[in-house]
Amino acid sequence: MTLTKDNKQATKRNRYSVLSSFYNFSINTGLPSLNNPCSTTVIKKIFKRPPPIQWQIVDKDTIDEIIFRTTNKRNRLMLELMARGGMRVGEVLKLTPDDIQEYSLVIMFHGKSWEG
């Protein structure tokens, strides 16, 4: 098939999904007698999604130990902000001295609006 030849498996799965959705839309909106050729068991098996990757979660005690053993003040502060404040690496790296007011860290949101 020329649509999937020499493409990665993820591209093939994406094209299968789009094609299957098109057939389902056509069947549901006016062609109930049409059969979806993408719904055969063989084709479903070929384009089956791989199982999701299971992330190993590091427990709180291990995180505390890593932070406690970090001797560099800058690195320790970064780890504290990420572990305790829920900040991402990029967010921590963007912090400036202006973000500190007295003994508090004040983080202003600069980006897209959170309004839904």
PDB file of N, CA and C in Angstrom:
ATOM      1  N   MET A   1       0.842  -1.177   0.000  1.00  0.00           N
ATOM      2  CA  MET A   1       0.000   0.000   0.000  1.00  0.00           C
ATOM      3  C   MET A   1       0.894   1.249   0.000  1.00  0.00           C
ATOM      4  N   THR A   2       0.631   2.182  -0.877  1.00  0.00           N
ATOM      5  CA  THR A   2       1.495   3.349  -1.015  1.00  0.00           C
ATOM      6  C   THR A   2       1.319   4.355   0.123  1.00  0.00           C
ATOM      7  N   LEU A   3       0.185   4.321   0.815  1.00  0.00           N
ATOM      8  CA  LEU A   3      -0.024   5.264   1.920  1.00  0.00           C
ATOM      9  C   LEU A   3       0.873   4.964   3.110  1.00  0.00           C
ATOM     10  N   THR A   4       1.259   3.709   3.265  1.00  0.00           N
ATOM     11  CA  THR A   4       2.036   3.342   4.443  1.00  0.00           C
ATOM     12  C   THR A   4       3.419   2.806   4.116  1.00  0.00           C
ATOM     13  N   LYS A   5       3.740   2.647   2.858  1.00  0.00           N
ATOM     14  CA  LYS A   5       5.035   2.088   2.486  1.00  0.00           C
ATOM     15  C   LYS A   5       6.158   3.012   2.953  1.00  0.00           C
ATOM     16  N   ASP A   6       7.193   2.433   3.551  1.00  0.00           N
ATOM     17  CA  ASP A   6       8.379   3.151   4.029  1.00  0.00           C
ATOM     18  C   ASP A   6       8.085   4.180   5.121  1.00  0.00           C
ATOM     19  N   ASN A   7       6.962   4.028   5.822  1.00  0.00           N
ATOM     20  CA  ASN A   7       6.652   4.922   6.939  1.00  0.00           C
ATOM     21  C   ASN A   7       6.868   4.202   8.263  1.00  0.00           C
ATOM     22  N   LYS A   8       7.048   5.001   9.308  1.00  0.00           N
ATOM     23  CA  LYS A   8       7.182   4.434  10.650  1.00  0.00           C
ATOM     24  C   LYS A   8       5.846   3.858  11.093  1.00  0.00           C
ATOM     25  N   GLN A   9       5.916   2.937  12.070  1.00  0.00           N
ATOM     26  CA  GLN A   9       4.707   2.270  12.553  1.00  0.00           C
ATOM     27  C   GLN A   9       3.728   3.276  13.156  1.00  0.00           C
ATOM     28  N   ALA A  10       4.227   4.305  13.814  1.00  0.00           N
ATOM     29  CA  ALA A  10       3.344   5.313  14.413  1.00  0.00           C
ATOM     30  C   ALA A  10       2.565   6.055  13.331  1.00  0.00           C
ATOM     31  N   THR A  11       3.201   6.338  12.195  1.00  0.00           N
ATOM     32  CA  THR A  11       2.517   6.999  11.077  1.00  0.00           C
ATOM     33  C   THR A  11       1.453   6.080  10.500  1.00  0.00           C
ATOM     34  N   LYS A  12       1.779   4.811  10.387  1.00  0.00           N
ATOM     35  CA  LYS A  12       0.807   3.842   9.869  1.00  0.00           C
ATOM     36  C   LYS A  12      -0.400   3.755  10.796  1.00  0.00           C
ATOM     37  N   ARG A  13      -0.158   3.710  12.107  1.00  0.00           N
ATOM     38  CA  ARG A  13      -1.269   3.652  13.071  1.00  0.00           C
ATOM     39  C   ARG A  13      -2.130   4.906  12.975  1.00  0.00           C
ATOM     40  N   ASN A  14      -1.497   6.055  12.814  1.00  0.00           N
ATOM     41  CA  ASN A  14      -2.234   7.313  12.708  1.00  0.00           C
ATOM     42  C   ASN A  14      -3.121   7.310  11.465  1.00  0.00           C
ATOM     43  N   ARG A  15      -2.589   6.876  10.351  1.00  0.00           N
ATOM     44  CA  ARG A  15      -3.377   6.832   9.112  1.00  0.00           C
ATOM     45  C   ARG A  15      -4.516   5.828   9.218  1.00  0.00           C
ATOM     46  N   TYR A  16      -4.254   4.688   9.862  1.00  0.00           N
ATOM     47  CA  TYR A  16      -5.309   3.697  10.091  1.00  0.00           C
ATOM     48  C   TYR A  16      -6.420   4.307  10.936  1.00  0.00           C
ATOM     49  N   SER A  17      -6.044   5.033  11.989  1.00  0.00           N
ATOM     50  CA  SER A  17      -7.021   5.646  12.883  1.00  0.00           C
ATOM     51  C   SER A  17      -7.885   6.673  12.155  1.00  0.00           C
ATOM     52  N   VAL A  18      -7.255   7.492  11.332  1.00  0.00           N
ATOM     53  CA  VAL A  18      -7.998   8.511  10.573  1.00  0.00           C
ATOM     54  C   VAL A  18      -8.948   7.846   9.588  1.00  0.00           C
ATOM     55  N   LEU A  19      -8.469   6.837   8.898  1.00  0.00           N
ATOM     56  CA  LEU A  19      -9.300   6.126   7.912  1.00  0.00           C
ATOM     57  C   LEU A  19     -10.465   5.421   8.601  1.00  0.00           C
ATOM     58  N   SER A  20     -10.195   4.770   9.725  1.00  0.00           N
ATOM     59  CA  SER A  20     -11.245   4.095  10.469  1.00  0.00           C
ATOM     60  C   SER A  20     -12.289   5.096  10.964  1.00  0.00           C
ATOM     61  N   SER A  21     -11.833   6.258  11.446  1.00  0.00           N
ATOM     62  CA  SER A  21     -12.755   7.302  11.904  1.00  0.00           C
ATOM     63  C   SER A  21     -13.617   7.822  10.762  1.00  0.00           C
ATOM     64  N   PHE A  22     -13.026   7.969   9.602  1.00  0.00           N
ATOM     65  CA  PHE A  22     -13.790   8.421   8.434  1.00  0.00           C
ATOM     66  C   PHE A  22     -14.908   7.440   8.113  1.00  0.00           C
ATOM     67  N   TYR A  23     -14.582   6.145   8.090  1.00  0.00           N
ATOM     68  CA  TYR A  23     -15.602   5.134   7.810  1.00  0.00           C
ATOM     69  C   TYR A  23     -16.685   5.139   8.882  1.00  0.00           C
ATOM     70  N   ASN A  24     -16.301   5.224  10.139  1.00  0.00           N
ATOM     71  CA  ASN A  24     -17.292   5.262  11.218  1.00  0.00           C
ATOM     72  C   ASN A  24     -18.191   6.485  11.107  1.00  0.00           C
ATOM     73  N   PHE A  25     -17.607   7.638  10.769  1.00  0.00           N
ATOM     74  CA  PHE A  25     -18.402   8.853  10.577  1.00  0.00           C
ATOM     75  C   PHE A  25     -19.399   8.656   9.434  1.00  0.00           C
ATOM     76  N   SER A  26     -18.934   8.093   8.330  1.00  0.00           N
ATOM     77  CA  SER A  26     -19.813   7.865   7.172  1.00  0.00           C
ATOM     78  C   SER A  26     -20.950   6.923   7.526  1.00  0.00           C
ATOM     79  N   ILE A  27     -20.637   5.873   8.261  1.00  0.00           N
ATOM     80  CA  ILE A  27     -21.658   4.894   8.664  1.00  0.00           C
ATOM     81  C   ILE A  27     -22.672   5.532   9.604  1.00  0.00           C
ATOM     82  N   ASN A  28     -22.209   6.321  10.548  1.00  0.00           N
ATOM     83  CA  ASN A  28     -23.096   6.926  11.548  1.00  0.00           C
ATOM     84  C   ASN A  28     -23.918   8.088  11.022  1.00  0.00           C
ATOM     85  N   THR A  29     -23.486   8.723   9.928  1.00  0.00           N
ATOM     86  CA  THR A  29     -24.209   9.907   9.442  1.00  0.00           C
ATOM     87  C   THR A  29     -25.014   9.682   8.172  1.00  0.00           C
ATOM     88  N   GLY A  30     -25.145   8.474   7.739  1.00  0.00           N
ATOM     89  CA  GLY A  30     -26.014   8.316   6.576  1.00  0.00           C
ATOM     90  C   GLY A  30     -25.804   7.069   5.749  1.00  0.00           C
ATOM     91  N   LEU A  31     -24.802   6.296   6.015  1.00  0.00           N
ATOM     92  CA  LEU A  31     -24.579   5.072   5.248  1.00  0.00           C
ATOM     93  C   LEU A  31     -24.496   3.863   6.187  1.00  0.00           C
ATOM     94  N   PRO A  32     -25.596   3.537   6.865  1.00  0.00           N
ATOM     95  CA  PRO A  32     -25.544   2.455   7.854  1.00  0.00           C
ATOM     96  C   PRO A  32     -25.245   1.084   7.244  1.00  0.00           C
ATOM     97  N   SER A  33     -25.474   0.920   5.960  1.00  0.00           N
ATOM     98  CA  SER A  33     -25.217  -0.388   5.337  1.00  0.00           C
ATOM     99  C   SER A  33     -23.743  -0.572   4.951  1.00  0.00           C
ATOM    100  N   LEU A  34     -22.967   0.499   5.033  1.00  0.00           N
ATOM    101  CA  LEU A  34     -21.549   0.425   4.692  1.00  0.00           C
ATOM    102  C   LEU A  34     -20.783  -0.324   5.775  1.00  0.00           C
ATOM    103  N   ASN A  35     -19.892  -1.194   5.372  1.00  0.00           N
ATOM    104  CA  ASN A  35     -19.049  -1.917   6.327  1.00  0.00           C
ATOM    105  C   ASN A  35     -17.718  -1.196   6.443  1.00  0.00           C
ATOM    106  N   ASN A  36     -17.224  -1.098   7.656  1.00  0.00           N
ATOM    107  CA  ASN A  36     -15.926  -0.471   7.881  1.00  0.00           C
ATOM    108  C   ASN A  36     -14.841  -1.513   7.629  1.00  0.00           C
ATOM    109  N   PRO A  37     -14.054  -1.350   6.552  1.00  0.00           N
ATOM    110  CA  PRO A  37     -13.009  -2.334   6.268  1.00  0.00           C
ATOM    111  C   PRO A  37     -11.871  -2.310   7.289  1.00  0.00           C
ATOM    112  N   CYS A  38     -11.812  -1.275   8.094  1.00  0.00           N
ATOM    113  CA  CYS A  38     -10.754  -1.164   9.104  1.00  0.00           C
ATOM    114  C   CYS A  38     -11.077  -1.935  10.375  1.00  0.00           C
ATOM    115  N   SER A  39     -12.269  -2.489  10.470  1.00  0.00           N
ATOM    116  CA  SER A  39     -12.666  -3.129  11.720  1.00  0.00           C
ATOM    117  C   SER A  39     -12.458  -4.644  11.719  1.00  0.00           C
ATOM    118  N   THR A  40     -11.755  -5.176  10.751  1.00  0.00           N
ATOM    119  CA  THR A  40     -11.461  -6.604  10.767  1.00  0.00           C
ATOM    120  C   THR A  40     -10.414  -6.895  11.835  1.00  0.00           C
ATOM    121  N   THR A  41     -10.445  -8.086  12.396  1.00  0.00           N
ATOM    122  CA  THR A  41      -9.529  -8.420  13.487  1.00  0.00           C
ATOM    123  C   THR A  41      -8.078  -8.426  13.031  1.00  0.00           C
ATOM    124  N   VAL A  42      -7.834  -8.839  11.785  1.00  0.00           N
ATOM    125  CA  VAL A  42      -6.454  -8.875  11.280  1.00  0.00           C
ATOM    126  C   VAL A  42      -5.885  -7.460  11.195  1.00  0.00           C
ATOM    127  N   ILE A  43      -6.647  -6.543  10.646  1.00  0.00           N
ATOM    128  CA  ILE A  43      -6.170  -5.162  10.500  1.00  0.00           C
ATOM    129  C   ILE A  43      -6.034  -4.507  11.868  1.00  0.00           C
ATOM    130  N   LYS A  44      -6.977  -4.749  12.763  1.00  0.00           N
ATOM    131  CA  LYS A  44      -6.861  -4.191  14.115  1.00  0.00           C
ATOM    132  C   LYS A  44      -5.592  -4.683  14.798  1.00  0.00           C
ATOM    133  N   LYS A  45      -5.265  -5.955  14.585  1.00  0.00           N
ATOM    134  CA  LYS A  45      -4.070  -6.522  15.209  1.00  0.00           C
ATOM    135  C   LYS A  45      -2.802  -5.904  14.634  1.00  0.00           C
ATOM    136  N   ILE A  46      -2.782  -5.653  13.335  1.00  0.00           N
ATOM    137  CA  ILE A  46      -1.611  -5.058  12.678  1.00  0.00           C
ATOM    138  C   ILE A  46      -1.343  -3.657  13.212  1.00  0.00           C
ATOM    139  N   PHE A  47      -2.405  -2.873  13.412  1.00  0.00           N
ATOM    140  CA  PHE A  47      -2.256  -1.472  13.819  1.00  0.00           C
ATOM    141  C   PHE A  47      -2.521  -1.253  15.302  1.00  0.00           C
ATOM    142  N   LYS A  48      -2.430  -2.310  16.090  1.00  0.00           N
ATOM    143  CA  LYS A  48      -2.656  -2.212  17.530  1.00  0.00           C
ATOM    144  C   LYS A  48      -1.600  -1.315  18.169  1.00  0.00           C
ATOM    145  N   ARG A  49      -2.048  -0.480  19.094  1.00  0.00           N
ATOM    146  CA  ARG A  49      -1.130   0.414  19.799  1.00  0.00           C
ATOM    147  C   ARG A  49      -0.275  -0.391  20.767  1.00  0.00           C
ATOM    148  N   PRO A  50       0.997  -0.002  20.902  1.00  0.00           N
ATOM    149  CA  PRO A  50       1.850  -0.691  21.876  1.00  0.00           C
ATOM    150  C   PRO A  50       1.397  -0.352  23.298  1.00  0.00           C
ATOM    151  N   PRO A  51       1.692  -1.233  24.248  1.00  0.00           N
ATOM    152  CA  PRO A  51       1.294  -0.914  25.634  1.00  0.00           C
ATOM    153  C   PRO A  51       2.031   0.329  26.115  1.00  0.00           C
ATOM    154  N   PRO A  52       1.382   1.135  26.947  1.00  0.00           N
ATOM    155  CA  PRO A  52       2.029   2.360  27.439  1.00  0.00           C
ATOM    156  C   PRO A  52       3.235   2.030  28.308  1.00  0.00           C
ATOM    157  N   ILE A  53       4.184   2.934  28.299  1.00  0.00           N
ATOM    158  CA  ILE A  53       5.396   2.768  29.093  1.00  0.00           C
ATOM    159  C   ILE A  53       5.055   3.040  30.557  1.00  0.00           C
ATOM    160  N   GLN A  54       5.425   2.126  31.420  1.00  0.00           N
ATOM    161  CA  GLN A  54       5.198   2.310  32.844  1.00  0.00           C
ATOM    162  C   GLN A  54       6.388   3.043  33.447  1.00  0.00           C
ATOM    163  N   TRP A  55       6.134   4.199  34.012  1.00  0.00           N
ATOM    164  CA  TRP A  55       7.183   4.968  34.659  1.00  0.00           C
ATOM    165  C   TRP A  55       7.389   4.434  36.062  1.00  0.00           C
ATOM    166  N   GLN A  56       8.632   4.339  36.456  1.00  0.00           N
ATOM    167  CA  GLN A  56       8.908   3.953  37.831  1.00  0.00           C
ATOM    168  C   GLN A  56       8.886   5.213  38.688  1.00  0.00           C
ATOM    169  N   ILE A  57       8.069   5.195  39.711  1.00  0.00           N
ATOM    170  CA  ILE A  57       7.909   6.339  40.596  1.00  0.00           C
ATOM    171  C   ILE A  57       8.931   6.228  41.730  1.00  0.00           C
ATOM    172  N   VAL A  58       9.626   7.318  41.982  1.00  0.00           N
ATOM    173  CA  VAL A  58      10.590   7.356  43.077  1.00  0.00           C
ATOM    174  C   VAL A  58       9.835   7.777  44.331  1.00  0.00           C
ATOM    175  N   ASP A  59      10.010   7.030  45.418  1.00  0.00           N
ATOM    176  CA  ASP A  59       9.254   7.341  46.630  1.00  0.00           C
ATOM    177  C   ASP A  59       9.820   8.585  47.325  1.00  0.00           C
ATOM    178  N   LYS A  60       9.014   9.147  48.218  1.00  0.00           N
ATOM    179  CA  LYS A  60       9.343  10.406  48.885  1.00  0.00           C
ATOM    180  C   LYS A  60      10.641  10.319  49.684  1.00  0.00           C
ATOM    181  N   ASP A  61      10.870   9.205  50.353  1.00  0.00           N
ATOM    182  CA  ASP A  61      12.087   9.056  51.155  1.00  0.00           C
ATOM    183  C   ASP A  61      13.346   9.113  50.290  1.00  0.00           C
ATOM    184  N   THR A  62      13.284   8.528  49.113  1.00  0.00           N
ATOM    185  CA  THR A  62      14.434   8.568  48.200  1.00  0.00           C
ATOM    186  C   THR A  62      14.688   9.997  47.734  1.00  0.00           C
ATOM    187  N   ILE A  63      13.623  10.721  47.413  1.00  0.00           N
ATOM    188  CA  ILE A  63      13.746  12.128  47.003  1.00  0.00           C
ATOM    189  C   ILE A  63      14.358  12.946  48.132  1.00  0.00           C
ATOM    190  N   ASP A  64      13.863  12.740  49.347  1.00  0.00           N
ATOM    191  CA  ASP A  64      14.406  13.464  50.506  1.00  0.00           C
ATOM    192  C   ASP A  64      15.892  13.175  50.684  1.00  0.00           C
ATOM    193  N   GLU A  65      16.283  11.931  50.506  1.00  0.00           N
ATOM    194  CA  GLU A  65      17.682  11.539  50.657  1.00  0.00           C
ATOM    195  C   GLU A  65      18.558  12.201  49.594  1.00  0.00           C
ATOM    196  N   ILE A  66      18.060  12.245  48.361  1.00  0.00           N
ATOM    197  CA  ILE A  66      18.811  12.896  47.268  1.00  0.00           C
ATOM    198  C   ILE A  66      18.998  14.373  47.583  1.00  0.00           C
ATOM    199  N   ILE A  67      17.936  15.030  48.012  1.00  0.00           N
ATOM    200  CA  ILE A  67      18.018  16.461  48.342  1.00  0.00           C
ATOM    201  C   ILE A  67      18.970  16.676  49.520  1.00  0.00           C
ATOM    202  N   PHE A  68      18.861  15.843  50.548  1.00  0.00           N
ATOM    203  CA  PHE A  68      19.698  15.980  51.739  1.00  0.00           C
ATOM    204  C   PHE A  68      21.181  15.809  51.413  1.00  0.00           C
ATOM    205  N   ARG A  69      21.501  14.912  50.480  1.00  0.00           N
ATOM    206  CA  ARG A  69      22.906  14.634  50.142  1.00  0.00           C
ATOM    207  C   ARG A  69      23.485  15.608  49.114  1.00  0.00           C
ATOM    208  N   THR A  70      22.660  16.472  48.565  1.00  0.00           N
ATOM    209  CA  THR A  70      23.145  17.449  47.587  1.00  0.00           C
ATOM    210  C   THR A  70      23.828  18.582  48.339  1.00  0.00           C
ATOM    211  N   THR A  71      25.118  18.770  48.068  1.00  0.00           N
ATOM    212  CA  THR A  71      25.883  19.781  48.808  1.00  0.00           C
ATOM    213  C   THR A  71      25.888  21.144  48.132  1.00  0.00           C
ATOM    214  N   ASN A  72      25.729  21.179  46.820  1.00  0.00           N
ATOM    215  CA  ASN A  72      25.714  22.440  46.098  1.00  0.00           C
ATOM    216  C   ASN A  72      24.396  23.155  46.390  1.00  0.00           C
ATOM    217  N   LYS A  73      24.466  24.390  46.923  1.00  0.00           N
ATOM    218  CA  LYS A  73      23.263  25.125  47.323  1.00  0.00           C
ATOM    219  C   LYS A  73      22.309  25.357  46.158  1.00  0.00           C
ATOM    220  N   ARG A  74      22.862  25.716  45.013  1.00  0.00           N
ATOM    221  CA  ARG A  74      22.034  25.986  43.834  1.00  0.00           C
ATOM    222  C   ARG A  74      21.264  24.737  43.434  1.00  0.00           C
ATOM    223  N   ASN A  75      21.954  23.598  43.353  1.00  0.00           N
ATOM    224  CA  ASN A  75      21.309  22.356  42.955  1.00  0.00           C
ATOM    225  C   ASN A  75      20.268  21.910  43.977  1.00  0.00           C
ATOM    226  N   ARG A  76      20.598  22.108  45.253  1.00  0.00           N
ATOM    227  CA  ARG A  76      19.662  21.715  46.301  1.00  0.00           C
ATOM    228  C   ARG A  76      18.386  22.550  46.236  1.00  0.00           C
ATOM    229  N   LEU A  77      18.539  23.844  46.004  1.00  0.00           N
ATOM    230  CA  LEU A  77      17.375  24.712  45.877  1.00  0.00           C
ATOM    231  C   LEU A  77      16.529  24.308  44.673  1.00  0.00           C
ATOM    232  N   MET A  78      17.195  23.992  43.578  1.00  0.00           N
ATOM    233  CA  MET A  78      16.457  23.546  42.386  1.00  0.00           C
ATOM    234  C   MET A  78      15.666  22.275  42.677  1.00  0.00           C
ATOM    235  N   LEU A  79      16.300  21.315  43.326  1.00  0.00           N
ATOM    236  CA  LEU A  79      15.617  20.063  43.662  1.00  0.00           C
ATOM    237  C   LEU A  79      14.451  20.301  44.614  1.00  0.00           C
ATOM    238  N   GLU A  80      14.646  21.175  45.592  1.00  0.00           N
ATOM    239  CA  GLU A  80      13.571  21.506  46.534  1.00  0.00           C
ATOM    240  C   GLU A  80      12.377  22.115  45.806  1.00  0.00           C
ATOM    241  N   LEU A  81      12.638  23.063  44.907  1.00  0.00           N
ATOM    242  CA  LEU A  81      11.547  23.710  44.179  1.00  0.00           C
ATOM    243  C   LEU A  81      10.799  22.719  43.293  1.00  0.00           C
ATOM    244  N   MET A  82      11.524  21.797  42.693  1.00  0.00           N
ATOM    245  CA  MET A  82      10.870  20.812  41.835  1.00  0.00           C
ATOM    246  C   MET A  82      10.087  19.795  42.664  1.00  0.00           C
ATOM    247  N   ALA A  83      10.703  19.285  43.727  1.00  0.00           N
ATOM    248  CA  ALA A  83      10.060  18.245  44.527  1.00  0.00           C
ATOM    249  C   ALA A  83       8.929  18.785  45.394  1.00  0.00           C
ATOM    250  N   ARG A  84       9.148  19.909  46.042  1.00  0.00           N
ATOM    251  CA  ARG A  84       8.166  20.440  46.994  1.00  0.00           C
ATOM    252  C   ARG A  84       7.203  21.440  46.351  1.00  0.00           C
ATOM    253  N   GLY A  85       7.690  22.148  45.348  1.00  0.00           N
ATOM    254  CA  GLY A  85       6.847  23.166  44.720  1.00  0.00           C
ATOM    255  C   GLY A  85       6.175  22.712  43.439  1.00  0.00           C
ATOM    256  N   GLY A  86       6.525  21.519  42.964  1.00  0.00           N
ATOM    257  CA  GLY A  86       5.899  21.002  41.749  1.00  0.00           C
ATOM    258  C   GLY A  86       6.326  21.727  40.489  1.00  0.00           C
ATOM    259  N   MET A  87       7.479  22.391  40.538  1.00  0.00           N
ATOM    260  CA  MET A  87       7.946  23.135  39.379  1.00  0.00           C
ATOM    261  C   MET A  87       8.709  22.218  38.434  1.00  0.00           C
ATOM    262  N   ARG A  88       8.697  22.568  37.170  1.00  0.00           N
ATOM    263  CA  ARG A  88       9.469  21.851  36.166  1.00  0.00           C
ATOM    264  C   ARG A  88      10.859  22.462  36.073  1.00  0.00           C
ATOM    265  N   VAL A  89      11.768  21.721  35.454  1.00  0.00           N
ATOM    266  CA  VAL A  89      13.150  22.192  35.325  1.00  0.00           C
ATOM    267  C   VAL A  89      13.183  23.543  34.619  1.00  0.00           C
ATOM    268  N   GLY A  90      12.468  23.676  33.522  1.00  0.00           N
ATOM    269  CA  GLY A  90      12.460  24.927  32.758  1.00  0.00           C
ATOM    270  C   GLY A  90      11.938  26.098  33.565  1.00  0.00           C
ATOM    271  N   GLU A  91      10.935  25.832  34.401  1.00  0.00           N
ATOM    272  CA  GLU A  91      10.382  26.896  35.237  1.00  0.00           C
ATOM    273  C   GLU A  91      11.385  27.343  36.293  1.00  0.00           C
ATOM    274  N   VAL A  92      12.096  26.395  36.865  1.00  0.00           N
ATOM    275  CA  VAL A  92      13.111  26.732  37.870  1.00  0.00           C
ATOM    276  C   VAL A  92      14.241  27.525  37.229  1.00  0.00           C
ATOM    277  N   LEU A  93      14.661  27.116  36.037  1.00  0.00           N
ATOM    278  CA  LEU A  93      15.771  27.792  35.366  1.00  0.00           C
ATOM    279  C   LEU A  93      15.420  29.217  34.939  1.00  0.00           C
ATOM    280  N   LYS A  94      14.141  29.507  34.783  1.00  0.00           N
ATOM    281  CA  LYS A  94      13.724  30.860  34.380  1.00  0.00           C
ATOM    282  C   LYS A  94      13.605  31.819  35.552  1.00  0.00           C
ATOM    283  N   LEU A  95      13.741  31.320  36.768  1.00  0.00           N
ATOM    284  CA  LEU A  95      13.631  32.196  37.934  1.00  0.00           C
ATOM    285  C   LEU A  95      14.780  33.199  37.963  1.00  0.00           C
ATOM    286  N   THR A  96      14.476  34.410  38.428  1.00  0.00           N
ATOM    287  CA  THR A  96      15.473  35.468  38.545  1.00  0.00           C
ATOM    288  C   THR A  96      15.446  36.013  39.971  1.00  0.00           C
ATOM    289  N   PRO A  97      16.464  36.778  40.366  1.00  0.00           N
ATOM    290  CA  PRO A  97      16.438  37.392  41.705  1.00  0.00           C
ATOM    291  C   PRO A  97      15.216  38.280  41.937  1.00  0.00           C
ATOM    292  N   ASP A  98      14.625  38.817  40.866  1.00  0.00           N
ATOM    293  CA  ASP A  98      13.431  39.649  41.011  1.00  0.00           C
ATOM    294  C   ASP A  98      12.229  38.849  41.519  1.00  0.00           C
ATOM    295  N   ASP A  99      12.282  37.514  41.385  1.00  0.00           N
ATOM    296  CA  ASP A  99      11.185  36.674  41.835  1.00  0.00           C
ATOM    297  C   ASP A  99      11.190  36.475  43.349  1.00  0.00           C
ATOM    298  N   ILE A 100      12.225  36.955  44.033  1.00  0.00           N
ATOM    299  CA  ILE A 100      12.325  36.799  45.480  1.00  0.00           C
ATOM    300  C   ILE A 100      11.985  38.129  46.142  1.00  0.00           C
ATOM    301  N   GLN A 101      10.982  38.105  47.008  1.00  0.00           N
ATOM    302  CA  GLN A 101      10.577  39.290  47.756  1.00  0.00           C
ATOM    303  C   GLN A 101      10.697  38.967  49.233  1.00  0.00           C
ATOM    304  N   GLU A 102      11.569  39.678  49.917  1.00  0.00           N
ATOM    305  CA  GLU A 102      11.939  39.412  51.304  1.00  0.00           C
ATOM    306  C   GLU A 102      12.429  37.964  51.397  1.00  0.00           C
ATOM    307  N   TYR A 103      11.744  37.105  52.120  1.00  0.00           N
ATOM    308  CA  TYR A 103      12.169  35.716  52.227  1.00  0.00           C
ATOM    309  C   TYR A 103      11.175  34.774  51.542  1.00  0.00           C
ATOM    310  N   SER A 104      10.414  35.311  50.613  1.00  0.00           N
ATOM    311  CA  SER A 104       9.416  34.504  49.906  1.00  0.00           C
ATOM    312  C   SER A 104       9.712  34.499  48.417  1.00  0.00           C
ATOM    313  N   LEU A 105       9.380  33.421  47.791  1.00  0.00           N
ATOM    314  CA  LEU A 105       9.510  33.307  46.343  1.00  0.00           C
ATOM    315  C   LEU A 105       8.159  33.632  45.736  1.00  0.00           C
ATOM    316  N   VAL A 106       8.100  34.678  44.946  1.00  0.00           N
ATOM    317  CA  VAL A 106       6.857  35.098  44.306  1.00  0.00           C
ATOM    318  C   VAL A 106       6.989  34.812  42.825  1.00  0.00           C
ATOM    319  N   ILE A 107       6.156  33.941  42.336  1.00  0.00           N
ATOM    320  CA  ILE A 107       6.238  33.544  40.939  1.00  0.00           C
ATOM    321  C   ILE A 107       5.044  34.117  40.201  1.00  0.00           C
ATOM    322  N   MET A 108       5.327  34.957  39.240  1.00  0.00           N
ATOM    323  CA  MET A 108       4.279  35.533  38.415  1.00  0.00           C
ATOM    324  C   MET A 108       4.112  34.649  37.187  1.00  0.00           C
ATOM    325  N   PHE A 109       2.893  34.466  36.767  1.00  0.00           N
ATOM    326  CA  PHE A 109       2.619  33.634  35.598  1.00  0.00           C
ATOM    327  C   PHE A 109       2.791  34.475  34.337  1.00  0.00           C
ATOM    328  N   HIS A 110       3.749  34.107  33.513  1.00  0.00           N
ATOM    329  CA  HIS A 110       3.985  34.797  32.239  1.00  0.00           C
ATOM    330  C   HIS A 110       3.787  33.785  31.131  1.00  0.00           C
ATOM    331  N   GLY A 111       2.693  33.862  30.444  1.00  0.00           N
ATOM    332  CA  GLY A 111       2.447  32.899  29.365  1.00  0.00           C
ATOM    333  C   GLY A 111       1.013  32.974  28.927  1.00  0.00           C
ATOM    334  N   LYS A 112       0.534  31.869  28.395  1.00  0.00           N
ATOM    335  CA  LYS A 112      -0.838  31.810  27.918  1.00  0.00           C
ATOM    336  C   LYS A 112      -1.794  31.876  29.111  1.00  0.00           C
ATOM    337  N   SER A 113      -2.962  32.386  28.866  1.00  0.00           N
ATOM    338  CA  SER A 113      -3.958  32.544  29.914  1.00  0.00           C
ATOM    339  C   SER A 113      -4.445  31.180  30.407  1.00  0.00           C
ATOM    340  N   TRP A 114      -4.695  31.081  31.705  1.00  0.00           N
ATOM    341  CA  TRP A 114      -5.232  29.837  32.280  1.00  0.00           C
ATOM    342  C   TRP A 114      -6.735  29.769  32.150  1.00  0.00           C
ATOM    343  N   GLU A 115      -7.359  30.836  31.662  1.00  0.00           N
ATOM    344  CA  GLU A 115      -8.820  30.842  31.555  1.00  0.00           C
ATOM    345  C   GLU A 115      -9.237  29.850  30.498  1.00  0.00           C
ATOM    346  N   GLY A 116     -10.289  29.112  30.769  1.00  0.00           N
ATOM    347  CA  GLY A 116     -10.746  28.053  29.875  1.00  0.00           C
ATOM    348  C   GLY A 116     -11.808  28.481  28.938  1.00  0.00           C
TER     349      GLY A 116
END
